[in-house]
Amino acid sequence: MSDRTATDLERELGMLVAVRAYLRDTVGMDVHIPTTAVDRVLDELNSLDRKT
């Protein structure tokens, strides 16, 4: 398990949201954006929530 905090993970999610918005703005709404990175960050954030 990594040493990232909930704040680190929330910051990463924000960055992923910004990247997704940028891609949709530049490429269009038809672009397929995999959610694997978001899923992994959410899983890690959820595991932190269960520990507290």
PDB file of N, CA and C in Angstrom:
ATOM      1  N   MET A   1       0.843  -1.180   0.000  1.00  0.00           N
ATOM      2  CA  MET A   1       0.000   0.000   0.000  1.00  0.00           C
ATOM      3  C   MET A   1       0.883   1.235   0.000  1.00  0.00           C
ATOM      4  N   SER A   2       0.470   2.239  -0.677  1.00  0.00           N
ATOM      5  CA  SER A   2       1.265   3.461  -0.763  1.00  0.00           C
ATOM      6  C   SER A   2       1.056   4.320   0.481  1.00  0.00           C
ATOM      7  N   ASP A   3       1.869   5.341   0.592  1.00  0.00           N
ATOM      8  CA  ASP A   3       1.780   6.263   1.723  1.00  0.00           C
ATOM      9  C   ASP A   3       0.997   7.520   1.382  1.00  0.00           C
ATOM     10  N   ARG A   4       0.197   7.473   0.338  1.00  0.00           N
ATOM     11  CA  ARG A   4      -0.563   8.657  -0.066  1.00  0.00           C
ATOM     12  C   ARG A   4      -1.712   8.894   0.914  1.00  0.00           C
ATOM     13  N   THR A   5      -1.975  10.161   1.170  1.00  0.00           N
ATOM     14  CA  THR A   5      -3.066  10.534   2.073  1.00  0.00           C
ATOM     15  C   THR A   5      -4.340  10.761   1.268  1.00  0.00           C
ATOM     16  N   ALA A   6      -5.449  10.925   1.979  1.00  0.00           N
ATOM     17  CA  ALA A   6      -6.715  11.226   1.316  1.00  0.00           C
ATOM     18  C   ALA A   6      -6.599  12.525   0.531  1.00  0.00           C
ATOM     19  N   THR A   7      -5.881  13.493   1.065  1.00  0.00           N
ATOM     20  CA  THR A   7      -5.689  14.766   0.364  1.00  0.00           C
ATOM     21  C   THR A   7      -4.928  14.557  -0.941  1.00  0.00           C
ATOM     22  N   ASP A   8      -3.890  13.712  -0.902  1.00  0.00           N
ATOM     23  CA  ASP A   8      -3.130  13.404  -2.122  1.00  0.00           C
ATOM     24  C   ASP A   8      -4.038  12.773  -3.163  1.00  0.00           C
ATOM     25  N   LEU A   9      -4.866  11.836  -2.733  1.00  0.00           N
ATOM     26  CA  LEU A   9      -5.744  11.120  -3.665  1.00  0.00           C
ATOM     27  C   LEU A   9      -6.822  12.043  -4.222  1.00  0.00           C
ATOM     28  N   GLU A  10      -7.360  12.924  -3.393  1.00  0.00           N
ATOM     29  CA  GLU A  10      -8.364  13.868  -3.870  1.00  0.00           C
ATOM     30  C   GLU A  10      -7.749  14.843  -4.876  1.00  0.00           C
ATOM     31  N   ARG A  11      -6.514  15.234  -4.656  1.00  0.00           N
ATOM     32  CA  ARG A  11      -5.806  16.106  -5.601  1.00  0.00           C
ATOM     33  C   ARG A  11      -5.612  15.370  -6.931  1.00  0.00           C
ATOM     34  N   GLU A  12      -5.256  14.094  -6.858  1.00  0.00           N
ATOM     35  CA  GLU A  12      -5.066  13.305  -8.075  1.00  0.00           C
ATOM     36  C   GLU A  12      -6.380  13.155  -8.833  1.00  0.00           C
ATOM     37  N   LEU A  13      -7.466  12.927  -8.121  1.00  0.00           N
ATOM     38  CA  LEU A  13      -8.769  12.835  -8.778  1.00  0.00           C
ATOM     39  C   LEU A  13      -9.116  14.151  -9.480  1.00  0.00           C
ATOM     40  N   GLY A  14      -8.834  15.263  -8.831  1.00  0.00           N
ATOM     41  CA  GLY A  14      -9.075  16.565  -9.447  1.00  0.00           C
ATOM     42  C   GLY A  14      -8.292  16.729 -10.731  1.00  0.00           C
ATOM     43  N   MET A  15      -7.047  16.273 -10.716  1.00  0.00           N
ATOM     44  CA  MET A  15      -6.212  16.359 -11.912  1.00  0.00           C
ATOM     45  C   MET A  15      -6.790  15.484 -13.026  1.00  0.00           C
ATOM     46  N   LEU A  16      -7.257  14.292 -12.684  1.00  0.00           N
ATOM     47  CA  LEU A  16      -7.833  13.397 -13.691  1.00  0.00           C
ATOM     48  C   LEU A  16      -9.111  13.994 -14.283  1.00  0.00           C
ATOM     49  N   VAL A  17      -9.905  14.660 -13.464  1.00  0.00           N
ATOM     50  CA  VAL A  17     -11.108  15.337 -13.955  1.00  0.00           C
ATOM     51  C   VAL A  17     -10.724  16.430 -14.945  1.00  0.00           C
ATOM     52  N   ALA A  18      -9.681  17.190 -14.618  1.00  0.00           N
ATOM     53  CA  ALA A  18      -9.233  18.266 -15.506  1.00  0.00           C
ATOM     54  C   ALA A  18      -8.729  17.712 -16.831  1.00  0.00           C
ATOM     55  N   VAL A  19      -7.992  16.609 -16.782  1.00  0.00           N
ATOM     56  CA  VAL A  19      -7.481  15.984 -18.008  1.00  0.00           C
ATOM     57  C   VAL A  19      -8.641  15.493 -18.868  1.00  0.00           C
ATOM     58  N   ARG A  20      -9.618  14.860 -18.232  1.00  0.00           N
ATOM     59  CA  ARG A  20     -10.783  14.371 -18.977  1.00  0.00           C
ATOM     60  C   ARG A  20     -11.521  15.531 -19.647  1.00  0.00           C
ATOM     61  N   ALA A  21     -11.726  16.618 -18.926  1.00  0.00           N
ATOM     62  CA  ALA A  21     -12.417  17.785 -19.488  1.00  0.00           C
ATOM     63  C   ALA A  21     -11.620  18.362 -20.654  1.00  0.00           C
ATOM     64  N   TYR A  22     -10.304  18.442 -20.504  1.00  0.00           N
ATOM     65  CA  TYR A  22      -9.447  18.961 -21.578  1.00  0.00           C
ATOM     66  C   TYR A  22      -9.566  18.087 -22.825  1.00  0.00           C
ATOM     67  N   LEU A  23      -9.497  16.775 -22.649  1.00  0.00           N
ATOM     68  CA  LEU A  23      -9.595  15.874 -23.795  1.00  0.00           C
ATOM     69  C   LEU A  23     -10.939  16.014 -24.493  1.00  0.00           C
ATOM     70  N   ARG A  24     -11.998  16.108 -23.718  1.00  0.00           N
ATOM     71  CA  ARG A  24     -13.318  16.250 -24.327  1.00  0.00           C
ATOM     72  C   ARG A  24     -13.453  17.583 -25.051  1.00  0.00           C
ATOM     73  N   ASP A  25     -12.835  18.633 -24.504  1.00  0.00           N
ATOM     74  CA  ASP A  25     -12.894  19.948 -25.157  1.00  0.00           C
ATOM     75  C   ASP A  25     -12.087  19.971 -26.447  1.00  0.00           C
ATOM     76  N   THR A  26     -10.955  19.279 -26.478  1.00  0.00           N
ATOM     77  CA  THR A  26     -10.085  19.345 -27.649  1.00  0.00           C
ATOM     78  C   THR A  26     -10.401  18.278 -28.691  1.00  0.00           C
ATOM     79  N   VAL A  27     -10.800  17.095 -28.242  1.00  0.00           N
ATOM     80  CA  VAL A  27     -11.039  15.993 -29.173  1.00  0.00           C
ATOM     81  C   VAL A  27     -12.525  15.836 -29.478  1.00  0.00           C
ATOM     82  N   GLY A  28     -13.356  16.141 -28.514  1.00  0.00           N
ATOM     83  CA  GLY A  28     -14.794  16.003 -28.700  1.00  0.00           C
ATOM     84  C   GLY A  28     -15.378  14.985 -27.740  1.00  0.00           C
ATOM     85  N   MET A  29     -16.685  15.026 -27.637  1.00  0.00           N
ATOM     86  CA  MET A  29     -17.393  14.155 -26.691  1.00  0.00           C
ATOM     87  C   MET A  29     -17.345  12.673 -27.085  1.00  0.00           C
ATOM     88  N   ASP A  30     -16.992  12.392 -28.335  1.00  0.00           N
ATOM     89  CA  ASP A  30     -16.973  11.003 -28.791  1.00  0.00           C
ATOM     90  C   ASP A  30     -15.714  10.250 -28.378  1.00  0.00           C
ATOM     91  N   VAL A  31     -14.752  10.936 -27.786  1.00  0.00           N
ATOM     92  CA  VAL A  31     -13.506  10.288 -27.402  1.00  0.00           C
ATOM     93  C   VAL A  31     -13.783   9.304 -26.258  1.00  0.00           C
ATOM     94  N   HIS A  32     -13.205   8.115 -26.373  1.00  0.00           N
ATOM     95  CA  HIS A  32     -13.338   7.102 -25.328  1.00  0.00           C
ATOM     96  C   HIS A  32     -12.214   7.305 -24.323  1.00  0.00           C
ATOM     97  N   ILE A  33     -12.587   7.559 -23.078  1.00  0.00           N
ATOM     98  CA  ILE A  33     -11.602   7.805 -22.035  1.00  0.00           C
ATOM     99  C   ILE A  33     -11.669   6.654 -21.028  1.00  0.00           C
ATOM    100  N   PRO A  34     -10.626   5.813 -20.968  1.00  0.00           N
ATOM    101  CA  PRO A  34     -10.629   4.715 -20.005  1.00  0.00           C
ATOM    102  C   PRO A  34     -10.689   5.253 -18.575  1.00  0.00           C
ATOM    103  N   THR A  35     -11.341   4.524 -17.714  1.00  0.00           N
ATOM    104  CA  THR A  35     -11.487   4.968 -16.332  1.00  0.00           C
ATOM    105  C   THR A  35     -10.583   4.210 -15.368  1.00  0.00           C
ATOM    106  N   THR A  36      -9.640   3.453 -15.873  1.00  0.00           N
ATOM    107  CA  THR A  36      -8.786   2.621 -15.029  1.00  0.00           C
ATOM    108  C   THR A  36      -8.058   3.439 -13.968  1.00  0.00           C
ATOM    109  N   ALA A  37      -7.469   4.556 -14.338  1.00  0.00           N
ATOM    110  CA  ALA A  37      -6.728   5.375 -13.369  1.00  0.00           C
ATOM    111  C   ALA A  37      -7.669   5.907 -12.295  1.00  0.00           C
ATOM    112  N   VAL A  38      -8.835   6.390 -12.699  1.00  0.00           N
ATOM    113  CA  VAL A  38      -9.807   6.897 -11.733  1.00  0.00           C
ATOM    114  C   VAL A  38     -10.249   5.777 -10.799  1.00  0.00           C
ATOM    115  N   ASP A  39     -10.522   4.606 -11.347  1.00  0.00           N
ATOM    116  CA  ASP A  39     -10.936   3.465 -10.527  1.00  0.00           C
ATOM    117  C   ASP A  39      -9.886   3.121  -9.477  1.00  0.00           C
ATOM    118  N   ARG A  40      -8.623   3.122  -9.863  1.00  0.00           N
ATOM    119  CA  ARG A  40      -7.551   2.792  -8.921  1.00  0.00           C
ATOM    120  C   ARG A  40      -7.440   3.818  -7.807  1.00  0.00           C
ATOM    121  N   VAL A  41      -7.540   5.096  -8.160  1.00  0.00           N
ATOM    122  CA  VAL A  41      -7.452   6.145  -7.140  1.00  0.00           C
ATOM    123  C   VAL A  41      -8.651   6.053  -6.196  1.00  0.00           C
ATOM    124  N   LEU A  42      -9.846   5.836  -6.740  1.00  0.00           N
ATOM    125  CA  LEU A  42     -11.027   5.698  -5.892  1.00  0.00           C
ATOM    126  C   LEU A  42     -10.930   4.486  -4.979  1.00  0.00           C
ATOM    127  N   ASP A  43     -10.424   3.376  -5.494  1.00  0.00           N
ATOM    128  CA  ASP A  43     -10.234   2.185  -4.659  1.00  0.00           C
ATOM    129  C   ASP A  43      -9.289   2.473  -3.499  1.00  0.00           C
ATOM    130  N   GLU A  44      -8.204   3.168  -3.786  1.00  0.00           N
ATOM    131  CA  GLU A  44      -7.237   3.495  -2.742  1.00  0.00           C
ATOM    132  C   GLU A  44      -7.844   4.463  -1.725  1.00  0.00           C
ATOM    133  N   LEU A  45      -8.587   5.447  -2.205  1.00  0.00           N
ATOM    134  CA  LEU A  45      -9.235   6.399  -1.307  1.00  0.00           C
ATOM    135  C   LEU A  45     -10.258   5.685  -0.432  1.00  0.00           C
ATOM    136  N   ASN A  46     -11.032   4.789  -1.018  1.00  0.00           N
ATOM    137  CA  ASN A  46     -12.010   4.028  -0.238  1.00  0.00           C
ATOM    138  C   ASN A  46     -11.347   3.146   0.807  1.00  0.00           C
ATOM    139  N   SER A  47     -10.191   2.581   0.487  1.00  0.00           N
ATOM    140  CA  SER A  47      -9.492   1.744   1.468  1.00  0.00           C
ATOM    141  C   SER A  47      -8.994   2.593   2.638  1.00  0.00           C
ATOM    142  N   LEU A  48      -8.607   3.852   2.370  1.00  0.00           N
ATOM    143  CA  LEU A  48      -8.212   4.754   3.460  1.00  0.00           C
ATOM    144  C   LEU A  48      -9.410   5.070   4.339  1.00  0.00           C
ATOM    145  N   ASP A  49     -10.570   5.296   3.724  1.00  0.00           N
ATOM    146  CA  ASP A  49     -11.778   5.616   4.474  1.00  0.00           C
ATOM    147  C   ASP A  49     -12.170   4.467   5.414  1.00  0.00           C
ATOM    148  N   ARG A  50     -11.963   3.233   4.997  1.00  0.00           N
ATOM    149  CA  ARG A  50     -12.314   2.079   5.822  1.00  0.00           C
ATOM    150  C   ARG A  50     -11.382   1.926   7.011  1.00  0.00           C
ATOM    151  N   LYS A  51     -10.153   2.430   6.890  1.00  0.00           N
ATOM    152  CA  LYS A  51      -9.187   2.312   7.976  1.00  0.00           C
ATOM    153  C   LYS A  51      -9.464   3.291   9.111  1.00  0.00           C
ATOM    154  N   THR A  52     -10.151   4.385   8.815  1.00  0.00           N
ATOM    155  CA  THR A  52     -10.376   5.402   9.833  1.00  0.00           C
ATOM    156  C   THR A  52     -11.690   5.241  10.521  1.00  0.00           C
TER     157      THR A  52
END
